[in-house]
């Protein structure tokens, strides 16, 4: 049985995946694991492959969701993405994004804001 935190994260990942689909991307993997780490959502179109870290927080959080993606987490995502690219013969341009899913102060998902940050990291890691 999943705990509340895992369930909230899963709902946030589902919201991010639906958002990407509306932008013309096909979700090729969710919760992709390797020995290096985990990537929440992997999506692609004809040009790009996106490696997306999804952070779900309520509106009264002490920091923005993206601020929780520190350099250590970025490194794990980059390394996992390299592993994925190599093992799946990916020829698309990779991009590293963060999807901030912000719920109401009560944590209610009926009023959700999505702040999608393209090219959130990768060049300076």
N, C-alpha and C. Protein backbone atom coordinates (compact mmCIF):
# COMPACT_ATOMS: atom_id res chain seq x y z
N UNK A 1 0.83 -1.18 0.00
CA UNK A 1 0.00 0.00 0.00
C UNK A 1 0.88 1.24 0.00
N UNK A 2 0.52 2.21 -0.84
CA UNK A 2 1.30 3.43 -0.95
C UNK A 2 0.96 4.38 0.17
N UNK A 3 1.99 5.10 0.65
CA UNK A 3 1.70 6.11 1.66
C UNK A 3 1.18 7.37 0.98
N UNK A 4 0.72 8.31 1.80
CA UNK A 4 0.09 9.52 1.25
C UNK A 4 1.05 10.31 0.37
N UNK A 5 2.31 10.41 0.78
CA UNK A 5 3.30 11.15 0.01
C UNK A 5 3.50 10.53 -1.38
N UNK A 6 3.60 9.20 -1.43
CA UNK A 6 3.74 8.52 -2.72
C UNK A 6 2.52 8.71 -3.60
N UNK A 7 1.34 8.68 -3.00
CA UNK A 7 0.11 8.87 -3.75
C UNK A 7 0.03 10.29 -4.31
N UNK A 8 0.40 11.28 -3.52
CA UNK A 8 0.42 12.66 -3.99
C UNK A 8 1.40 12.81 -5.15
N UNK A 9 2.58 12.21 -5.01
CA UNK A 9 3.57 12.25 -6.09
C UNK A 9 3.06 11.60 -7.36
N UNK A 10 2.38 10.47 -7.23
CA UNK A 10 1.84 9.76 -8.39
C UNK A 10 0.77 10.60 -9.09
N UNK A 11 -0.08 11.25 -8.31
CA UNK A 11 -1.11 12.12 -8.90
C UNK A 11 -0.44 13.26 -9.65
N UNK A 12 0.58 13.86 -9.05
CA UNK A 12 1.33 14.93 -9.72
C UNK A 12 1.96 14.47 -11.02
N UNK A 13 2.53 13.27 -11.02
CA UNK A 13 3.14 12.72 -12.23
C UNK A 13 2.09 12.47 -13.30
N UNK A 14 0.91 12.01 -12.92
CA UNK A 14 -0.17 11.81 -13.89
C UNK A 14 -0.61 13.15 -14.50
N UNK A 15 -0.68 14.18 -13.67
CA UNK A 15 -1.06 15.52 -14.17
C UNK A 15 0.00 16.02 -15.15
N UNK A 16 1.27 15.85 -14.81
CA UNK A 16 2.35 16.28 -15.71
C UNK A 16 2.32 15.51 -17.03
N UNK A 17 2.07 14.19 -16.97
CA UNK A 17 2.00 13.38 -18.19
C UNK A 17 0.85 13.84 -19.08
N UNK A 18 -0.30 14.13 -18.50
CA UNK A 18 -1.43 14.63 -19.28
C UNK A 18 -1.11 15.98 -19.91
N UNK A 19 -0.43 16.83 -19.17
CA UNK A 19 -0.02 18.14 -19.69
C UNK A 19 0.89 17.96 -20.91
N UNK A 20 1.86 17.06 -20.81
CA UNK A 20 2.78 16.83 -21.93
C UNK A 20 2.05 16.29 -23.15
N UNK A 21 1.06 15.46 -22.93
CA UNK A 21 0.27 14.94 -24.05
C UNK A 21 -0.46 16.07 -24.77
N UNK A 22 -0.96 17.06 -24.02
CA UNK A 22 -1.64 18.20 -24.66
C UNK A 22 -0.67 19.03 -25.48
N UNK A 23 0.62 18.91 -25.21
CA UNK A 23 1.66 19.65 -25.94
C UNK A 23 2.23 18.83 -27.09
N UNK A 24 1.64 17.67 -27.36
CA UNK A 24 2.04 16.86 -28.50
C UNK A 24 3.11 15.82 -28.22
N UNK A 25 3.42 15.59 -26.97
CA UNK A 25 4.42 14.59 -26.61
C UNK A 25 3.76 13.25 -26.32
N UNK A 26 4.51 12.20 -26.54
CA UNK A 26 4.09 10.84 -26.20
C UNK A 26 4.90 10.43 -24.97
N UNK A 27 4.22 9.99 -23.96
CA UNK A 27 4.90 9.54 -22.75
C UNK A 27 5.41 8.12 -22.99
N UNK A 28 6.73 7.96 -22.93
CA UNK A 28 7.31 6.64 -23.20
C UNK A 28 7.64 5.88 -21.92
N UNK A 29 7.74 6.59 -20.78
CA UNK A 29 8.00 5.90 -19.51
C UNK A 29 7.61 6.81 -18.35
N UNK A 30 7.17 6.16 -17.28
CA UNK A 30 6.92 6.85 -16.01
C UNK A 30 7.64 6.07 -14.93
N UNK A 31 8.23 6.79 -14.00
CA UNK A 31 8.97 6.17 -12.90
C UNK A 31 10.03 5.20 -13.40
N UNK A 32 10.82 5.67 -14.36
CA UNK A 32 11.91 4.85 -14.91
C UNK A 32 13.04 4.77 -13.88
N UNK A 33 13.42 3.55 -13.56
CA UNK A 33 14.47 3.31 -12.56
C UNK A 33 15.70 2.69 -13.21
N UNK A 34 16.85 3.11 -12.74
CA UNK A 34 18.10 2.45 -13.06
C UNK A 34 18.91 2.38 -11.77
N UNK A 35 20.07 1.82 -11.84
CA UNK A 35 20.90 1.76 -10.62
C UNK A 35 21.40 3.15 -10.24
N UNK A 36 21.25 4.12 -11.12
CA UNK A 36 21.73 5.48 -10.86
C UNK A 36 20.67 6.38 -10.23
N UNK A 37 19.41 6.07 -10.47
CA UNK A 37 18.35 6.91 -9.94
C UNK A 37 17.04 6.65 -10.63
N UNK A 38 16.16 7.65 -10.57
CA UNK A 38 14.81 7.52 -11.12
C UNK A 38 14.43 8.79 -11.86
N UNK A 39 13.67 8.62 -12.92
CA UNK A 39 13.12 9.75 -13.67
C UNK A 39 11.61 9.59 -13.65
N UNK A 40 10.91 10.67 -13.27
CA UNK A 40 9.46 10.60 -13.10
C UNK A 40 8.72 10.37 -14.41
N UNK A 41 9.04 11.18 -15.42
CA UNK A 41 8.35 11.06 -16.71
C UNK A 41 9.37 11.23 -17.84
N UNK A 42 9.29 10.34 -18.82
CA UNK A 42 10.07 10.46 -20.04
C UNK A 42 9.07 10.57 -21.18
N UNK A 43 9.21 11.63 -21.97
CA UNK A 43 8.27 11.86 -23.07
C UNK A 43 9.06 12.30 -24.31
N UNK A 44 8.46 12.10 -25.47
CA UNK A 44 9.17 12.47 -26.69
C UNK A 44 8.21 12.92 -27.78
N UNK A 45 8.79 13.67 -28.71
CA UNK A 45 8.11 14.00 -29.96
C UNK A 45 9.10 13.70 -31.07
N UNK A 46 8.94 14.29 -32.23
CA UNK A 46 9.83 13.98 -33.36
C UNK A 46 11.23 14.55 -33.19
N UNK A 47 11.40 15.52 -32.31
CA UNK A 47 12.70 16.19 -32.16
C UNK A 47 13.36 15.99 -30.80
N UNK A 48 12.54 15.92 -29.75
CA UNK A 48 13.07 15.95 -28.39
C UNK A 48 12.69 14.72 -27.58
N UNK A 49 13.55 14.40 -26.64
CA UNK A 49 13.19 13.47 -25.58
C UNK A 49 13.33 14.25 -24.28
N UNK A 50 12.25 14.26 -23.52
CA UNK A 50 12.20 15.01 -22.27
C UNK A 50 12.39 14.09 -21.08
N UNK A 51 13.23 14.51 -20.17
CA UNK A 51 13.40 13.83 -18.89
C UNK A 51 12.87 14.81 -17.85
N UNK A 52 11.73 14.46 -17.27
CA UNK A 52 10.99 15.41 -16.45
C UNK A 52 10.97 14.98 -14.99
N UNK A 53 11.41 15.89 -14.14
CA UNK A 53 11.28 15.71 -12.70
C UNK A 53 10.00 16.43 -12.28
N UNK A 54 9.11 15.71 -11.63
CA UNK A 54 7.83 16.28 -11.20
C UNK A 54 7.89 16.51 -9.69
N UNK A 55 7.60 17.72 -9.29
CA UNK A 55 7.55 18.06 -7.87
C UNK A 55 6.17 18.60 -7.55
N UNK A 56 5.50 17.95 -6.64
CA UNK A 56 4.15 18.34 -6.24
C UNK A 56 4.20 18.90 -4.82
N UNK A 57 3.72 20.11 -4.68
CA UNK A 57 3.69 20.77 -3.38
C UNK A 57 2.41 21.56 -3.27
N UNK A 58 2.01 21.87 -2.03
CA UNK A 58 0.84 22.74 -1.85
C UNK A 58 1.29 24.19 -1.88
N UNK A 59 0.35 25.08 -2.10
CA UNK A 59 0.64 26.49 -2.32
C UNK A 59 1.36 27.15 -1.15
N UNK A 60 1.21 26.64 0.04
CA UNK A 60 1.86 27.26 1.20
C UNK A 60 3.19 26.60 1.55
N UNK A 61 3.81 25.93 0.61
CA UNK A 61 5.10 25.29 0.84
C UNK A 61 6.16 26.36 1.12
N UNK A 62 7.20 25.97 1.85
CA UNK A 62 8.24 26.92 2.23
C UNK A 62 9.13 27.34 1.06
N UNK A 63 9.09 26.60 -0.04
CA UNK A 63 9.90 26.90 -1.21
C UNK A 63 9.14 26.45 -2.46
N UNK A 64 9.60 26.92 -3.61
CA UNK A 64 8.97 26.47 -4.85
C UNK A 64 9.32 25.00 -5.06
N UNK A 65 8.49 24.27 -5.75
CA UNK A 65 8.81 22.86 -5.99
C UNK A 65 10.18 22.65 -6.66
N UNK A 66 10.53 23.51 -7.60
CA UNK A 66 11.81 23.36 -8.31
C UNK A 66 13.01 23.51 -7.38
N UNK A 67 12.85 24.26 -6.31
CA UNK A 67 13.95 24.44 -5.37
C UNK A 67 14.31 23.15 -4.64
N UNK A 68 13.45 22.16 -4.70
CA UNK A 68 13.72 20.87 -4.08
C UNK A 68 14.53 19.95 -5.01
N UNK A 69 14.79 20.40 -6.23
CA UNK A 69 15.59 19.62 -7.18
C UNK A 69 17.03 20.16 -7.09
N UNK A 70 17.75 19.65 -6.12
CA UNK A 70 19.11 20.15 -5.87
C UNK A 70 20.10 19.53 -6.86
N UNK A 71 21.36 19.95 -6.77
CA UNK A 71 22.38 19.48 -7.70
C UNK A 71 22.59 17.96 -7.63
N UNK A 72 22.47 17.41 -6.45
CA UNK A 72 22.61 15.95 -6.30
C UNK A 72 21.50 15.23 -7.07
N UNK A 73 20.27 15.71 -6.94
CA UNK A 73 19.13 15.12 -7.66
C UNK A 73 19.31 15.31 -9.17
N UNK A 74 19.76 16.48 -9.58
CA UNK A 74 20.00 16.74 -10.99
C UNK A 74 21.02 15.76 -11.56
N UNK A 75 22.08 15.53 -10.82
CA UNK A 75 23.12 14.60 -11.26
C UNK A 75 22.56 13.19 -11.43
N UNK A 76 21.73 12.75 -10.49
CA UNK A 76 21.11 11.42 -10.60
C UNK A 76 20.22 11.33 -11.84
N UNK A 77 19.47 12.39 -12.11
CA UNK A 77 18.60 12.39 -13.29
C UNK A 77 19.44 12.35 -14.56
N UNK A 78 20.48 13.17 -14.62
CA UNK A 78 21.35 13.20 -15.80
C UNK A 78 22.00 11.84 -16.05
N UNK A 79 22.48 11.22 -14.99
CA UNK A 79 23.13 9.91 -15.13
C UNK A 79 22.13 8.84 -15.55
N UNK A 80 20.95 8.88 -14.98
CA UNK A 80 19.90 7.93 -15.36
C UNK A 80 19.48 8.15 -16.80
N UNK A 81 19.39 9.40 -17.22
CA UNK A 81 19.04 9.72 -18.61
C UNK A 81 20.09 9.19 -19.58
N UNK A 82 21.36 9.33 -19.23
CA UNK A 82 22.43 8.79 -20.08
C UNK A 82 22.27 7.28 -20.23
N UNK A 83 21.97 6.62 -19.14
CA UNK A 83 21.75 5.18 -19.15
C UNK A 83 20.57 4.83 -20.06
N UNK A 84 19.48 5.57 -19.93
CA UNK A 84 18.28 5.34 -20.75
C UNK A 84 18.60 5.55 -22.23
N UNK A 85 19.27 6.65 -22.54
CA UNK A 85 19.61 6.97 -23.94
C UNK A 85 20.47 5.86 -24.54
N UNK A 86 21.47 5.43 -23.81
CA UNK A 86 22.36 4.39 -24.31
C UNK A 86 21.63 3.06 -24.53
N UNK A 87 20.82 2.66 -23.57
CA UNK A 87 20.15 1.36 -23.65
C UNK A 87 18.96 1.33 -24.59
N UNK A 88 18.47 2.49 -24.99
CA UNK A 88 17.31 2.54 -25.89
C UNK A 88 17.66 3.16 -27.24
N UNK A 89 18.94 3.32 -27.52
CA UNK A 89 19.41 3.85 -28.80
C UNK A 89 18.68 5.13 -29.20
N UNK A 90 18.55 6.05 -28.27
CA UNK A 90 17.83 7.30 -28.50
C UNK A 90 18.70 8.23 -29.34
N UNK A 91 18.10 8.80 -30.39
CA UNK A 91 18.81 9.76 -31.24
C UNK A 91 18.20 11.17 -31.15
N UNK A 92 17.20 11.33 -30.33
CA UNK A 92 16.54 12.62 -30.16
C UNK A 92 17.36 13.53 -29.24
N UNK A 93 17.15 14.83 -29.37
CA UNK A 93 17.81 15.80 -28.51
C UNK A 93 17.22 15.73 -27.10
N UNK A 94 18.05 15.49 -26.08
CA UNK A 94 17.51 15.43 -24.72
C UNK A 94 17.28 16.82 -24.13
N UNK A 95 16.28 16.90 -23.27
CA UNK A 95 16.01 18.13 -22.53
C UNK A 95 15.57 17.75 -21.12
N UNK A 96 16.01 18.53 -20.16
CA UNK A 96 15.73 18.25 -18.76
C UNK A 96 14.81 19.33 -18.21
N UNK A 97 13.60 18.93 -17.87
CA UNK A 97 12.56 19.86 -17.44
C UNK A 97 12.11 19.54 -16.02
N UNK A 98 11.46 20.52 -15.41
CA UNK A 98 10.82 20.31 -14.12
C UNK A 98 9.36 20.72 -14.26
N UNK A 99 8.48 19.86 -13.80
CA UNK A 99 7.05 20.18 -13.76
C UNK A 99 6.69 20.44 -12.30
N UNK A 100 6.34 21.69 -12.02
CA UNK A 100 5.89 22.04 -10.69
C UNK A 100 4.37 21.90 -10.66
N UNK A 101 3.88 21.03 -9.81
CA UNK A 101 2.44 20.84 -9.64
C UNK A 101 2.10 21.44 -8.28
N UNK A 102 1.31 22.49 -8.30
CA UNK A 102 1.01 23.23 -7.07
C UNK A 102 -0.48 23.09 -6.78
N UNK A 103 -0.76 22.50 -5.62
CA UNK A 103 -2.15 22.29 -5.21
C UNK A 103 -2.61 23.44 -4.32
N UNK A 104 -3.89 23.43 -4.00
CA UNK A 104 -4.42 24.41 -3.06
C UNK A 104 -3.72 24.23 -1.72
N UNK A 105 -3.83 25.21 -0.85
CA UNK A 105 -3.16 25.15 0.45
C UNK A 105 -3.55 23.91 1.25
N UNK A 106 -4.73 23.42 1.03
CA UNK A 106 -5.19 22.23 1.76
C UNK A 106 -4.66 20.93 1.15
N UNK A 107 -3.97 21.04 0.01
CA UNK A 107 -3.50 19.84 -0.68
C UNK A 107 -4.54 19.25 -1.60
N UNK A 108 -5.59 20.01 -1.85
CA UNK A 108 -6.70 19.56 -2.70
C UNK A 108 -6.29 19.64 -4.17
N UNK A 109 -6.50 18.56 -4.90
CA UNK A 109 -6.13 18.51 -6.31
C UNK A 109 -7.21 19.06 -7.24
N UNK A 110 -8.31 19.59 -6.70
CA UNK A 110 -9.37 20.11 -7.57
C UNK A 110 -8.97 21.46 -8.18
N UNK A 111 -8.00 22.13 -7.57
CA UNK A 111 -7.52 23.42 -8.08
C UNK A 111 -6.00 23.35 -8.16
N UNK A 112 -5.49 22.93 -9.32
CA UNK A 112 -4.06 22.69 -9.49
C UNK A 112 -3.48 23.69 -10.48
N UNK A 113 -2.31 24.18 -10.15
CA UNK A 113 -1.56 25.05 -11.07
C UNK A 113 -0.33 24.27 -11.53
N UNK A 114 -0.06 24.35 -12.82
CA UNK A 114 1.13 23.70 -13.38
C UNK A 114 2.09 24.79 -13.83
N UNK A 115 3.30 24.73 -13.31
CA UNK A 115 4.37 25.60 -13.77
C UNK A 115 5.41 24.69 -14.40
N UNK A 116 5.48 24.73 -15.73
CA UNK A 116 6.36 23.82 -16.45
C UNK A 116 7.62 24.57 -16.85
N UNK A 117 8.77 24.09 -16.39
CA UNK A 117 10.05 24.77 -16.63
C UNK A 117 10.87 23.95 -17.63
N UNK A 118 11.02 24.50 -18.83
CA UNK A 118 11.83 23.84 -19.86
C UNK A 118 13.31 24.14 -19.62
N UNK A 119 14.17 23.20 -19.99
CA UNK A 119 15.62 23.37 -19.83
C UNK A 119 15.97 23.82 -18.42
N UNK A 120 15.39 23.16 -17.43
CA UNK A 120 15.56 23.57 -16.04
C UNK A 120 16.99 23.34 -15.54
N UNK A 121 17.67 22.37 -16.10
CA UNK A 121 19.05 22.08 -15.70
C UNK A 121 19.70 21.22 -16.76
N UNK A 122 20.98 20.98 -16.60
CA UNK A 122 21.69 20.09 -17.51
C UNK A 122 22.95 20.67 -18.08
N UNK A 123 22.96 21.98 -18.34
CA UNK A 123 24.13 22.59 -18.96
C UNK A 123 25.29 22.79 -18.00
N UNK A 124 25.00 22.99 -16.73
CA UNK A 124 26.05 23.34 -15.78
C UNK A 124 26.32 22.27 -14.74
N UNK A 125 25.79 21.07 -14.94
CA UNK A 125 25.99 20.00 -13.93
C UNK A 125 27.26 19.23 -14.20
